[in-house]
PDB file of N, CA and C in Angstrom:
ATOM      1  N   MET A   1      -5.039  -3.198  -4.882  1.00  0.00           N
ATOM      2  CA  MET A   1      -5.746  -2.097  -5.488  1.00  0.00           C
ATOM      3  C   MET A   1      -5.570  -2.207  -6.993  1.00  0.00           C
ATOM      4  N   ILE A   2      -6.664  -2.065  -7.702  1.00  0.00           N
ATOM      5  CA  ILE A   2      -6.651  -2.115  -9.159  1.00  0.00           C
ATOM      6  C   ILE A   2      -6.963  -0.717  -9.667  1.00  0.00           C
ATOM      7  N   THR A   3      -6.134  -0.215 -10.556  1.00  0.00           N
ATOM      8  CA  THR A   3      -6.378   1.105 -11.127  1.00  0.00           C
ATOM      9  C   THR A   3      -6.435   1.000 -12.641  1.00  0.00           C
ATOM     10  N   VAL A   4      -7.073   1.972 -13.235  1.00  0.00           N
ATOM     11  CA  VAL A   4      -7.206   2.040 -14.687  1.00  0.00           C
ATOM     12  C   VAL A   4      -6.920   3.464 -15.105  1.00  0.00           C
ATOM     13  N   CYS A   5      -6.212   3.630 -16.198  1.00  0.00           N
ATOM     14  CA  CYS A   5      -5.943   4.961 -16.750  1.00  0.00           C
ATOM     15  C   CYS A   5      -6.669   5.097 -18.080  1.00  0.00           C
ATOM     16  N   ILE A   6      -7.442   6.149 -18.215  1.00  0.00           N
ATOM     17  CA  ILE A   6      -8.147   6.445 -19.458  1.00  0.00           C
ATOM     18  C   ILE A   6      -7.553   7.741 -20.001  1.00  0.00           C
ATOM     19  N   PRO A   7      -6.845   7.713 -21.120  1.00  0.00           N
ATOM     20  CA  PRO A   7      -6.283   8.960 -21.651  1.00  0.00           C
ATOM     21  C   PRO A   7      -7.396   9.864 -22.199  1.00  0.00           C
ATOM     22  N   GLN A   8      -7.400  11.098 -21.738  1.00  0.00           N
ATOM     23  CA  GLN A   8      -8.380  12.077 -22.216  1.00  0.00           C
ATOM     24  C   GLN A   8      -7.821  13.466 -21.962  1.00  0.00           C
ATOM     25  N   SER A   9      -8.397  14.447 -22.644  1.00  0.00           N
ATOM     26  CA  SER A   9      -7.908  15.816 -22.470  1.00  0.00           C
ATOM     27  C   SER A   9      -8.445  16.396 -21.170  1.00  0.00           C
ATOM     28  N   ALA A  10      -7.808  17.439 -20.695  1.00  0.00           N
ATOM     29  CA  ALA A  10      -8.240  18.107 -19.465  1.00  0.00           C
ATOM     30  C   ALA A  10      -9.595  18.767 -19.646  1.00  0.00           C
ATOM     31  N   GLY A  11     -10.018  18.958 -20.884  1.00  0.00           N
ATOM     32  CA  GLY A  11     -11.318  19.580 -21.150  1.00  0.00           C
ATOM     33  C   GLY A  11     -12.486  18.632 -21.030  1.00  0.00           C
ATOM     34  N   GLU A  12     -12.218  17.337 -20.896  1.00  0.00           N
ATOM     35  CA  GLU A  12     -13.286  16.351 -20.770  1.00  0.00           C
ATOM     36  C   GLU A  12     -13.566  16.080 -19.295  1.00  0.00           C
ATOM     37  N   SER A  13     -14.840  15.922 -18.968  1.00  0.00           N
ATOM     38  CA  SER A  13     -15.227  15.632 -17.588  1.00  0.00           C
ATOM     39  C   SER A  13     -14.953  14.169 -17.258  1.00  0.00           C
ATOM     40  N   ASP A  14     -14.460  13.931 -16.054  1.00  0.00           N
ATOM     41  CA  ASP A  14     -14.235  12.563 -15.597  1.00  0.00           C
ATOM     42  C   ASP A  14     -15.544  11.807 -15.399  1.00  0.00           C
ATOM     43  N   SER A  15     -16.633  12.522 -15.217  1.00  0.00           N
ATOM     44  CA  SER A  15     -17.890  11.876 -14.871  1.00  0.00           C
ATOM     45  C   SER A  15     -18.369  10.893 -15.939  1.00  0.00           C
ATOM     46  N   ALA A  16     -17.991  11.105 -17.192  1.00  0.00           N
ATOM     47  CA  ALA A  16     -18.427  10.209 -18.259  1.00  0.00           C
ATOM     48  C   ALA A  16     -17.511   9.001 -18.423  1.00  0.00           C
ATOM     49  N   ALA A  17     -16.420   8.949 -17.682  1.00  0.00           N
ATOM     50  CA  ALA A  17     -15.439   7.872 -17.854  1.00  0.00           C
ATOM     51  C   ALA A  17     -15.778   6.606 -17.072  1.00  0.00           C
ATOM     52  N   GLY A  18     -16.784   6.644 -16.226  1.00  0.00           N
ATOM     53  CA  GLY A  18     -17.134   5.469 -15.422  1.00  0.00           C
ATOM     54  C   GLY A  18     -17.309   4.207 -16.244  1.00  0.00           C
ATOM     55  N   PRO A  19     -18.159   4.216 -17.280  1.00  0.00           N
ATOM     56  CA  PRO A  19     -18.326   3.011 -18.095  1.00  0.00           C
ATOM     57  C   PRO A  19     -17.030   2.575 -18.793  1.00  0.00           C
ATOM     58  N   GLN A  20     -16.180   3.538 -19.179  1.00  0.00           N
ATOM     59  CA  GLN A  20     -14.900   3.190 -19.804  1.00  0.00           C
ATOM     60  C   GLN A  20     -13.985   2.482 -18.807  1.00  0.00           C
ATOM     61  N   VAL A  21     -13.985   2.940 -17.572  1.00  0.00           N
ATOM     62  CA  VAL A  21     -13.168   2.315 -16.536  1.00  0.00           C
ATOM     63  C   VAL A  21     -13.625   0.872 -16.320  1.00  0.00           C
ATOM     64  N   ILE A  22     -14.931   0.681 -16.222  1.00  0.00           N
ATOM     65  CA  ILE A  22     -15.463  -0.668 -16.004  1.00  0.00           C
ATOM     66  C   ILE A  22     -15.163  -1.564 -17.205  1.00  0.00           C
ATOM     67  N   ALA A  23     -15.285  -1.030 -18.422  1.00  0.00           N
ATOM     68  CA  ALA A  23     -14.980  -1.817 -19.615  1.00  0.00           C
ATOM     69  C   ALA A  23     -13.507  -2.251 -19.612  1.00  0.00           C
ATOM     70  N   ALA A  24     -12.616  -1.349 -19.198  1.00  0.00           N
ATOM     71  CA  ALA A  24     -11.193  -1.695 -19.123  1.00  0.00           C
ATOM     72  C   ALA A  24     -10.964  -2.780 -18.074  1.00  0.00           C
ATOM     73  N   GLN A  25     -11.649  -2.683 -16.941  1.00  0.00           N
ATOM     74  CA  GLN A  25     -11.508  -3.702 -15.902  1.00  0.00           C
ATOM     75  C   GLN A  25     -12.040  -5.051 -16.397  1.00  0.00           C
ATOM     76  N   GLN A  26     -13.156  -5.022 -17.129  1.00  0.00           N
ATOM     77  CA  GLN A  26     -13.709  -6.258 -17.673  1.00  0.00           C
ATOM     78  C   GLN A  26     -12.736  -6.892 -18.663  1.00  0.00           C
ATOM     79  N   ALA A  27     -12.087  -6.064 -19.489  1.00  0.00           N
ATOM     80  CA  ALA A  27     -11.124  -6.576 -20.466  1.00  0.00           C
ATOM     81  C   ALA A  27      -9.936  -7.245 -19.783  1.00  0.00           C
ATOM     82  N   MET A  28      -9.597  -6.779 -18.575  1.00  0.00           N
ATOM     83  CA  MET A  28      -8.483  -7.361 -17.818  1.00  0.00           C
ATOM     84  C   MET A  28      -8.948  -8.492 -16.895  1.00  0.00           C
ATOM     85  N   ALA A  29     -10.257  -8.795 -16.932  1.00  0.00           N
ATOM     86  CA  ALA A  29     -10.845  -9.790 -16.021  1.00  0.00           C
ATOM     87  C   ALA A  29     -10.541  -9.413 -14.572  1.00  0.00           C
ATOM     88  N   ALA A  30     -10.685  -8.121 -14.260  1.00  0.00           N
ATOM     89  CA  ALA A  30     -10.368  -7.609 -12.923  1.00  0.00           C
ATOM     90  C   ALA A  30     -11.502  -6.718 -12.407  1.00  0.00           C
ATOM     91  N   VAL A  31     -12.732  -7.192 -12.533  1.00  0.00           N
ATOM     92  CA  VAL A  31     -13.880  -6.405 -12.093  1.00  0.00           C
ATOM     93  C   VAL A  31     -14.035  -6.563 -10.578  1.00  0.00           C
ATOM     94  N   PRO A  32     -14.009  -5.456  -9.832  1.00  0.00           N
ATOM     95  CA  PRO A  32     -14.115  -5.546  -8.370  1.00  0.00           C
ATOM     96  C   PRO A  32     -15.566  -5.701  -7.914  1.00  0.00           C
ATOM     97  N   ASP A  33     -15.755  -6.131  -6.671  1.00  0.00           N
ATOM     98  CA  ASP A  33     -17.091  -6.169  -6.071  1.00  0.00           C
ATOM     99  C   ASP A  33     -17.546  -4.766  -5.699  1.00  0.00           C
ATOM    100  N   GLU A  34     -16.590  -3.932  -5.291  1.00  0.00           N
ATOM    101  CA  GLU A  34     -16.902  -2.549  -4.956  1.00  0.00           C
ATOM    102  C   GLU A  34     -15.775  -1.657  -5.461  1.00  0.00           C
ATOM    103  N   MET A  35     -16.142  -0.419  -5.748  1.00  0.00           N
ATOM    104  CA  MET A  35     -15.173   0.516  -6.284  1.00  0.00           C
ATOM    105  C   MET A  35     -15.359   1.863  -5.605  1.00  0.00           C
ATOM    106  N   SER A  36     -14.288   2.397  -5.033  1.00  0.00           N
ATOM    107  CA  SER A  36     -14.299   3.732  -4.438  1.00  0.00           C
ATOM    108  C   SER A  36     -13.891   4.714  -5.516  1.00  0.00           C
ATOM    109  N   ALA A  37     -14.611   5.828  -5.601  1.00  0.00           N
ATOM    110  CA  ALA A  37     -14.328   6.799  -6.656  1.00  0.00           C
ATOM    111  C   ALA A  37     -14.528   8.214  -6.142  1.00  0.00           C
ATOM    112  N   ALA A  38     -13.922   9.158  -6.835  1.00  0.00           N
ATOM    113  CA  ALA A  38     -14.058  10.576  -6.506  1.00  0.00           C
ATOM    114  C   ALA A  38     -15.479  11.056  -6.839  1.00  0.00           C
ATOM    115  N   THR A  39     -15.807  12.222  -6.350  1.00  0.00           N
ATOM    116  CA  THR A  39     -17.144  12.795  -6.528  1.00  0.00           C
ATOM    117  C   THR A  39     -17.562  12.849  -7.993  1.00  0.00           C
ATOM    118  N   ALA A  40     -16.632  13.123  -8.893  1.00  0.00           N
ATOM    119  CA  ALA A  40     -16.965  13.234 -10.314  1.00  0.00           C
ATOM    120  C   ALA A  40     -17.626  11.969 -10.852  1.00  0.00           C
ATOM    121  N   TYR A  41     -17.347  10.828 -10.236  1.00  0.00           N
ATOM    122  CA  TYR A  41     -17.905   9.563 -10.706  1.00  0.00           C
ATOM    123  C   TYR A  41     -19.211   9.183 -10.001  1.00  0.00           C
ATOM    124  N   GLY A  42     -19.682   9.988  -9.062  1.00  0.00           N
ATOM    125  CA  GLY A  42     -20.828   9.611  -8.231  1.00  0.00           C
ATOM    126  C   GLY A  42     -22.192   9.914  -8.815  1.00  0.00           C
ATOM    127  N   SER A  43     -22.295  10.077 -10.113  1.00  0.00           N
ATOM    128  CA  SER A  43     -23.600  10.378 -10.723  1.00  0.00           C
ATOM    129  C   SER A  43     -24.527   9.166 -10.647  1.00  0.00           C
ATOM    130  N   ASP A  44     -25.830   9.428 -10.757  1.00  0.00           N
ATOM    131  CA  ASP A  44     -26.804   8.338 -10.763  1.00  0.00           C
ATOM    132  C   ASP A  44     -26.509   7.362 -11.905  1.00  0.00           C
ATOM    133  N   ALA A  45     -26.147   7.901 -13.078  1.00  0.00           N
ATOM    134  CA  ALA A  45     -25.870   7.039 -14.233  1.00  0.00           C
ATOM    135  C   ALA A  45     -24.705   6.099 -13.938  1.00  0.00           C
ATOM    136  N   ASN A  46     -23.639   6.601 -13.315  1.00  0.00           N
ATOM    137  CA  ASN A  46     -22.495   5.748 -12.998  1.00  0.00           C
ATOM    138  C   ASN A  46     -22.833   4.723 -11.926  1.00  0.00           C
ATOM    139  N   VAL A  47     -23.617   5.130 -10.923  1.00  0.00           N
ATOM    140  CA  VAL A  47     -24.031   4.185  -9.875  1.00  0.00           C
ATOM    141  C   VAL A  47     -24.875   3.065 -10.487  1.00  0.00           C
ATOM    142  N   GLU A  48     -25.819   3.434 -11.353  1.00  0.00           N
ATOM    143  CA  GLU A  48     -26.687   2.435 -11.980  1.00  0.00           C
ATOM    144  C   GLU A  48     -25.891   1.522 -12.915  1.00  0.00           C
ATOM    145  N   HIS A  49     -24.985   2.100 -13.713  1.00  0.00           N
ATOM    146  CA  HIS A  49     -24.171   1.286 -14.620  1.00  0.00           C
ATOM    147  C   HIS A  49     -23.291   0.322 -13.820  1.00  0.00           C
ATOM    148  N   SER A  50     -22.690   0.812 -12.751  1.00  0.00           N
ATOM    149  CA  SER A  50     -21.847  -0.037 -11.910  1.00  0.00           C
ATOM    150  C   SER A  50     -22.664  -1.185 -11.317  1.00  0.00           C
ATOM    151  N   ALA A  51     -23.845  -0.863 -10.813  1.00  0.00           N
ATOM    152  CA  ALA A  51     -24.705  -1.895 -10.222  1.00  0.00           C
ATOM    153  C   ALA A  51     -25.090  -2.946 -11.259  1.00  0.00           C
ATOM    154  N   ALA A  52     -25.362  -2.500 -12.490  1.00  0.00           N
ATOM    155  CA  ALA A  52     -25.707  -3.443 -13.558  1.00  0.00           C
ATOM    156  C   ALA A  52     -24.542  -4.379 -13.876  1.00  0.00           C
ATOM    157  N   CYS A  53     -23.321  -3.923 -13.606  1.00  0.00           N
ATOM    158  CA  CYS A  53     -22.112  -4.732 -13.832  1.00  0.00           C
ATOM    159  C   CYS A  53     -21.703  -5.502 -12.579  1.00  0.00           C
ATOM    160  N   GLY A  54     -22.513  -5.420 -11.514  1.00  0.00           N
ATOM    161  CA  GLY A  54     -22.230  -6.145 -10.283  1.00  0.00           C
ATOM    162  C   GLY A  54     -21.236  -5.451  -9.365  1.00  0.00           C
ATOM    163  N   ILE A  55     -21.068  -4.132  -9.544  1.00  0.00           N
ATOM    164  CA  ILE A  55     -20.108  -3.367  -8.746  1.00  0.00           C
ATOM    165  C   ILE A  55     -20.857  -2.403  -7.840  1.00  0.00           C
ATOM    166  N   ASP A  56     -20.478  -2.365  -6.576  1.00  0.00           N
ATOM    167  CA  ASP A  56     -21.036  -1.400  -5.626  1.00  0.00           C
ATOM    168  C   ASP A  56     -20.141  -0.161  -5.676  1.00  0.00           C
ATOM    169  N   LEU A  57     -20.607   0.910  -6.333  1.00  0.00           N
ATOM    170  CA  LEU A  57     -19.829   2.141  -6.472  1.00  0.00           C
ATOM    171  C   LEU A  57     -19.991   2.988  -5.225  1.00  0.00           C
ATOM    172  N   ILE A  58     -18.881   3.292  -4.562  1.00  0.00           N
ATOM    173  CA  ILE A  58     -18.883   4.113  -3.358  1.00  0.00           C
ATOM    174  C   ILE A  58     -18.252   5.444  -3.722  1.00  0.00           C
ATOM    175  N   SER A  59     -19.074   6.494  -3.715  1.00  0.00           N
ATOM    176  CA  SER A  59     -18.607   7.810  -4.137  1.00  0.00           C
ATOM    177  C   SER A  59     -19.462   8.872  -3.495  1.00  0.00           C
ATOM    178  N   PRO A  60     -18.868  10.024  -3.156  1.00  0.00           N
ATOM    179  CA  PRO A  60     -19.701  11.127  -2.664  1.00  0.00           C
ATOM    180  C   PRO A  60     -20.690  11.553  -3.743  1.00  0.00           C
ATOM    181  N   VAL A  61     -21.822  12.055  -3.316  1.00  0.00           N
ATOM    182  CA  VAL A  61     -22.841  12.519  -4.250  1.00  0.00           C
ATOM    183  C   VAL A  61     -22.451  13.903  -4.752  1.00  0.00           C
ATOM    184  N   PRO A  62     -22.434  14.109  -6.082  1.00  0.00           N
ATOM    185  CA  PRO A  62     -22.093  15.438  -6.583  1.00  0.00           C
ATOM    186  C   PRO A  62     -23.190  16.457  -6.284  1.00  0.00           C
ATOM    187  N   GLY A  63     -22.822  17.702  -6.220  1.00  0.00           N
ATOM    188  CA  GLY A  63     -23.790  18.774  -5.977  1.00  0.00           C
ATOM    189  C   GLY A  63     -23.551  19.415  -4.638  1.00  0.00           C
ATOM    190  N   ARG A  64     -24.304  20.459  -4.382  1.00  0.00           N
ATOM    191  CA  ARG A  64     -24.127  21.174  -3.129  1.00  0.00           C
ATOM    192  C   ARG A  64     -24.962  20.543  -2.027  1.00  0.00           C
ATOM    193  N   ARG A  65     -24.526  20.730  -0.821  1.00  0.00           N
ATOM    194  CA  ARG A  65     -25.239  20.230   0.358  1.00  0.00           C
ATOM    195  C   ARG A  65     -26.482  21.093   0.575  1.00  0.00           C
ATOM    196  N   PRO A  66     -27.646  20.492   0.837  1.00  0.00           N
ATOM    197  CA  PRO A  66     -28.845  21.301   1.062  1.00  0.00           C
ATOM    198  C   PRO A  66     -28.722  22.129   2.341  1.00  0.00           C
ATOM    199  N   LYS A  67     -29.293  23.317   2.294  1.00  0.00           N
ATOM    200  CA  LYS A  67     -29.334  24.157   3.489  1.00  0.00           C
ATOM    201  C   LYS A  67     -30.352  23.570   4.451  1.00  0.00           C
ATOM    202  N   ALA A  68     -30.227  23.931   5.713  1.00  0.00           N
ATOM    203  CA  ALA A  68     -31.112  23.374   6.747  1.00  0.00           C
ATOM    204  C   ALA A  68     -32.578  23.597   6.408  1.00  0.00           C
ATOM    205  N   GLU A  69     -32.924  24.759   5.876  1.00  0.00           N
ATOM    206  CA  GLU A  69     -34.329  25.036   5.583  1.00  0.00           C
ATOM    207  C   GLU A  69     -34.831  24.281   4.363  1.00  0.00           C
ATOM    208  N   GLU A  70     -33.935  23.663   3.581  1.00  0.00           N
ATOM    209  CA  GLU A  70     -34.339  22.909   2.407  1.00  0.00           C
ATOM    210  C   GLU A  70     -34.545  21.432   2.704  1.00  0.00           C
ATOM    211  N   LYS A  71     -34.238  21.006   3.917  1.00  0.00           N
ATOM    212  CA  LYS A  71     -34.393  19.600   4.258  1.00  0.00           C
ATOM    213  C   LYS A  71     -35.859  19.211   4.215  1.00  0.00           C
ATOM    214  N   GLU A  72     -36.101  17.982   3.796  1.00  0.00           N
ATOM    215  CA  GLU A  72     -37.465  17.486   3.765  1.00  0.00           C
ATOM    216  C   GLU A  72     -37.923  17.183   5.184  1.00  0.00           C
ATOM    217  N   PRO A  73     -39.203  17.387   5.461  1.00  0.00           N
ATOM    218  CA  PRO A  73     -39.698  17.111   6.814  1.00  0.00           C
ATOM    219  C   PRO A  73     -39.606  15.622   7.140  1.00  0.00           C
ATOM    220  N   GLU A  74     -39.460  15.347   8.425  1.00  0.00           N
ATOM    221  CA  GLU A  74     -39.418  13.960   8.886  1.00  0.00           C
ATOM    222  C   GLU A  74     -40.777  13.311   8.611  1.00  0.00           C
ATOM    223  N   PRO A  75     -40.797  12.039   8.190  1.00  0.00           N
ATOM    224  CA  PRO A  75     -42.080  11.379   7.952  1.00  0.00           C
ATOM    225  C   PRO A  75     -42.828  11.166   9.264  1.00  0.00           C
ATOM    226  N   LYS A  76     -44.128  11.205   9.174  1.00  0.00           N
ATOM    227  CA  LYS A  76     -44.957  10.937  10.348  1.00  0.00           C
ATOM    228  C   LYS A  76     -44.844   9.465  10.692  1.00  0.00           C
ATOM    229  N   ALA A  77     -45.045   9.137  11.947  1.00  0.00           N
ATOM    230  CA  ALA A  77     -44.877   7.762  12.414  1.00  0.00           C
ATOM    231  C   ALA A  77     -45.740   6.789  11.618  1.00  0.00           C
ATOM    232  N   ASP A  78     -46.989   7.147  11.315  1.00  0.00           N
ATOM    233  CA  ASP A  78     -47.856   6.225  10.584  1.00  0.00           C
ATOM    234  C   ASP A  78     -47.420   6.067   9.133  1.00  0.00           C
ATOM    235  N   GLN A  79     -46.807   7.091   8.531  1.00  0.00           N
ATOM    236  CA  GLN A  79     -46.318   6.981   7.157  1.00  0.00           C
ATOM    237  C   GLN A  79     -45.042   6.155   7.096  1.00  0.00           C
ATOM    238  N   ALA A  80     -44.159   6.349   8.067  1.00  0.00           N
ATOM    239  CA  ALA A  80     -42.889   5.627   8.066  1.00  0.00           C
ATOM    240  C   ALA A  80     -43.117   4.124   8.253  1.00  0.00           C
ATOM    241  N   ALA A  81     -44.196   3.749   8.938  1.00  0.00           N
ATOM    242  CA  ALA A  81     -44.474   2.346   9.182  1.00  0.00           C
ATOM    243  C   ALA A  81     -44.955   1.643   7.913  1.00  0.00           C
ATOM    244  N   ASP A  82     -45.454   2.407   6.931  1.00  0.00           N
ATOM    245  CA  ASP A  82     -45.958   1.831   5.694  1.00  0.00           C
ATOM    246  C   ASP A  82     -44.838   1.782   4.664  1.00  0.00           C
ATOM    247  N   PRO A  83     -44.277   0.597   4.352  1.00  0.00           N
ATOM    248  CA  PRO A  83     -43.152   0.531   3.422  1.00  0.00           C
ATOM    249  C   PRO A  83     -43.520   0.965   2.005  1.00  0.00           C
ATOM    250  N   ALA A  84     -44.797   1.025   1.678  1.00  0.00           N
ATOM    251  CA  ALA A  84     -45.215   1.442   0.346  1.00  0.00           C
ATOM    252  C   ALA A  84     -45.365   2.956   0.236  1.00  0.00           C
ATOM    253  N   SER A  85     -45.282   3.665   1.355  1.00  0.00           N
ATOM    254  CA  SER A  85     -45.452   5.115   1.308  1.00  0.00           C
ATOM    255  C   SER A  85     -44.262   5.767   0.628  1.00  0.00           C
ATOM    256  N   PRO A  86     -44.464   6.911  -0.030  1.00  0.00           N
ATOM    257  CA  PRO A  86     -43.347   7.599  -0.680  1.00  0.00           C
ATOM    258  C   PRO A  86     -42.238   7.966   0.298  1.00  0.00           C
ATOM    259  N   GLU A  87     -42.578   8.193   1.545  1.00  0.00           N
ATOM    260  CA  GLU A  87     -41.575   8.558   2.536  1.00  0.00           C
ATOM    261  C   GLU A  87     -40.644   7.396   2.864  1.00  0.00           C
ATOM    262  N   ALA A  88     -41.083   6.170   2.579  1.00  0.00           N
ATOM    263  CA  ALA A  88     -40.268   5.003   2.902  1.00  0.00           C
ATOM    264  C   ALA A  88     -39.281   4.678   1.789  1.00  0.00           C
ATOM    265  N   VAL A  89     -39.314   5.436   0.709  1.00  0.00           N
ATOM    266  CA  VAL A  89     -38.389   5.203  -0.396  1.00  0.00           C
ATOM    267  C   VAL A  89     -37.191   6.119  -0.210  1.00  0.00           C
ATOM    268  N   SER A  90     -36.018   5.540  -0.212  1.00  0.00           N
ATOM    269  CA  SER A  90     -34.797   6.306   0.025  1.00  0.00           C
ATOM    270  C   SER A  90     -33.853   6.119  -1.136  1.00  0.00           C
ATOM    271  N   GLY A  91     -33.492   7.213  -1.824  1.00  0.00           N
ATOM    272  CA  GLY A  91     -32.519   7.136  -2.910  1.00  0.00           C
ATOM    273  C   GLY A  91     -32.948   6.231  -4.042  1.00  0.00           C
ATOM    274  N   GLY A  92     -34.268   6.098  -4.272  1.00  0.00           N
ATOM    275  CA  GLY A  92     -34.747   5.271  -5.358  1.00  0.00           C
ATOM    276  C   GLY A  92     -34.780   3.785  -5.016  1.00  0.00           C
ATOM    277  N   VAL A  93     -34.392   3.415  -3.808  1.00  0.00           N
ATOM    278  CA  VAL A  93     -34.399   2.018  -3.390  1.00  0.00           C
ATOM    279  C   VAL A  93     -35.522   1.844  -2.385  1.00  0.00           C
ATOM    280  N   HIS A  94     -36.367   0.856  -2.598  1.00  0.00           N
ATOM    281  CA  HIS A  94     -37.502   0.645  -1.711  1.00  0.00           C
ATOM    282  C   HIS A  94     -36.998   0.174  -0.353  1.00  0.00           C
ATOM    283  N   ALA A  95     -37.356   0.898   0.684  1.00  0.00           N
ATOM    284  CA  ALA A  95     -36.886   0.581   2.037  1.00  0.00           C
ATOM    285  C   ALA A  95     -37.964  -0.204   2.762  1.00  0.00           C
ATOM    286  N   SER A  96     -37.921  -1.508   2.652  1.00  0.00           N
ATOM    287  CA  SER A  96     -38.907  -2.326   3.347  1.00  0.00           C
ATOM    288  C   SER A  96     -38.370  -2.702   4.721  1.00  0.00           C
ATOM    289  N   PRO A  97     -39.264  -3.120   5.627  1.00  0.00           N
ATOM    290  CA  PRO A  97     -38.811  -3.469   6.973  1.00  0.00           C
ATOM    291  C   PRO A  97     -37.807  -4.609   6.982  1.00  0.00           C
ATOM    292  N   THR A  98     -37.801  -5.485   5.954  1.00  0.00           N
ATOM    293  CA  THR A  98     -36.886  -6.614   5.933  1.00  0.00           C
ATOM    294  C   THR A  98     -35.548  -6.278   5.291  1.00  0.00           C
ATOM    295  N   SER A  99     -35.476  -5.137   4.586  1.00  0.00           N
ATOM    296  CA  SER A  99     -34.193  -4.811   3.951  1.00  0.00           C
ATOM    297  C   SER A  99     -33.331  -4.029   4.921  1.00  0.00           C
ATOM    298  N   GLY A 100     -32.056  -4.392   4.977  1.00  0.00           N
ATOM    299  CA  GLY A 100     -31.120  -3.698   5.844  1.00  0.00           C
ATOM    300  C   GLY A 100     -30.409  -2.614   5.061  1.00  0.00           C
ATOM    301  N   PRO A 101     -29.391  -2.040   5.651  1.00  0.00           N
ATOM    302  CA  PRO A 101     -28.634  -1.004   4.958  1.00  0.00           C
ATOM    303  C   PRO A 101     -27.875  -1.605   3.772  1.00  0.00           C
ATOM    304  N   SER A 102     -27.635  -0.787   2.761  1.00  0.00           N
ATOM    305  CA  SER A 102     -26.882  -1.241   1.598  1.00  0.00           C
ATOM    306  C   SER A 102     -25.431  -1.489   2.000  1.00  0.00           C
ATOM    307  N   LYS A 103     -24.707  -2.103   1.106  1.00  0.00           N
ATOM    308  CA  LYS A 103     -23.301  -2.377   1.375  1.00  0.00           C
ATOM    309  C   LYS A 103     -22.545  -1.079   1.620  1.00  0.00           C
ATOM    310  N   ALA A 104     -22.836  -0.043   0.815  1.00  0.00           N
ATOM    311  CA  ALA A 104     -22.179   1.253   0.979  1.00  0.00           C
ATOM    312  C   ALA A 104     -22.516   1.865   2.341  1.00  0.00           C
ATOM    313  N   GLU A 105     -23.769   1.718   2.781  1.00  0.00           N
ATOM    314  CA  GLU A 105     -24.167   2.249   4.080  1.00  0.00           C
ATOM    315  C   GLU A 105     -23.465   1.495   5.215  1.00  0.00           C
ATOM    316  N   ARG A 106     -23.334   0.175   5.063  1.00  0.00           N
ATOM    317  CA  ARG A 106     -22.647  -0.609   6.095  1.00  0.00           C
ATOM    318  C   ARG A 106     -21.175  -0.208   6.190  1.00  0.00           C
ATOM    319  N   ILE A 107     -20.549   0.034   5.049  1.00  0.00           N
ATOM    320  CA  ILE A 107     -19.145   0.448   5.041  1.00  0.00           C
ATOM    321  C   ILE A 107     -19.009   1.810   5.702  1.00  0.00           C
ATOM    322  N   ALA A 108     -19.914   2.743   5.369  1.00  0.00           N
ATOM    323  CA  ALA A 108     -19.869   4.081   5.971  1.00  0.00           C
ATOM    324  C   ALA A 108     -20.074   4.002   7.478  1.00  0.00           C
ATOM    325  N   GLN A 109     -21.000   3.153   7.921  1.00  0.00           N
ATOM    326  CA  GLN A 109     -21.239   2.993   9.361  1.00  0.00           C
ATOM    327  C   GLN A 109     -20.008   2.424  10.056  1.00  0.00           C
ATOM    328  N   ARG A 110     -19.356   1.442   9.410  1.00  0.00           N
ATOM    329  CA  ARG A 110     -18.158   0.849   9.993  1.00  0.00           C
ATOM    330  C   ARG A 110     -17.052   1.889  10.104  1.00  0.00           C
ATOM    331  N   ARG A 111     -16.877   2.718   9.073  1.00  0.00           N
ATOM    332  CA  ARG A 111     -15.859   3.743   9.106  1.00  0.00           C
ATOM    333  C   ARG A 111     -16.145   4.764  10.204  1.00  0.00           C
ATOM    334  N   GLU A 112     -17.408   5.122  10.396  1.00  0.00           N
ATOM    335  CA  GLU A 112     -17.781   6.056  11.462  1.00  0.00           C
ATOM    336  C   GLU A 112     -17.433   5.471  12.831  1.00  0.00           C
ATOM    337  N   ARG A 113     -17.739   4.183  13.020  1.00  0.00           N
ATOM    338  CA  ARG A 113     -17.417   3.539  14.296  1.00  0.00           C
ATOM    339  C   ARG A 113     -15.912   3.499  14.518  1.00  0.00           C
ATOM    340  N   GLU A 114     -15.143   3.233  13.469  1.00  0.00           N
ATOM    341  CA  GLU A 114     -13.692   3.165  13.607  1.00  0.00           C
ATOM    342  C   GLU A 114     -13.098   4.525  13.946  1.00  0.00           C
ATOM    343  N   GLN A 115     -13.721   5.599  13.469  1.00  0.00           N
ATOM    344  CA  GLN A 115     -13.205   6.930  13.734  1.00  0.00           C
ATOM    345  C   GLN A 115     -13.593   7.430  15.129  1.00  0.00           C
ATOM    346  N   SER A 116     -14.591   6.816  15.724  1.00  0.00           N
ATOM    347  CA  SER A 116     -15.052   7.240  17.053  1.00  0.00           C
ATOM    348  C   SER A 116     -14.118   6.783  18.139  1.00  0.00           C
TER     349      SER A 116
END
């Protein structure tokens, strides 16, 4: 396990420290393939920055869980079959029939199976 400490005051949010953590890891030549982080680090900006550095950031998504009535409707069968349809896009990543689950999704699935 590789850890990094960034000195900062308690008044500063951890969410902005993601790029600093990666820069420190790069300086130590210890950049991981994947990094598990607390919710504070799970912003879109941190996920994108990590991906640009070749790191798969695994972190809970910040924010509140949607209520049942706020869920988006299930796509219709004919829309789901079209990979170009807006319904086939998940989390900003184009979900084509040839693409499998992301590394983070595979890890989550493996953990679910292990807990069962």
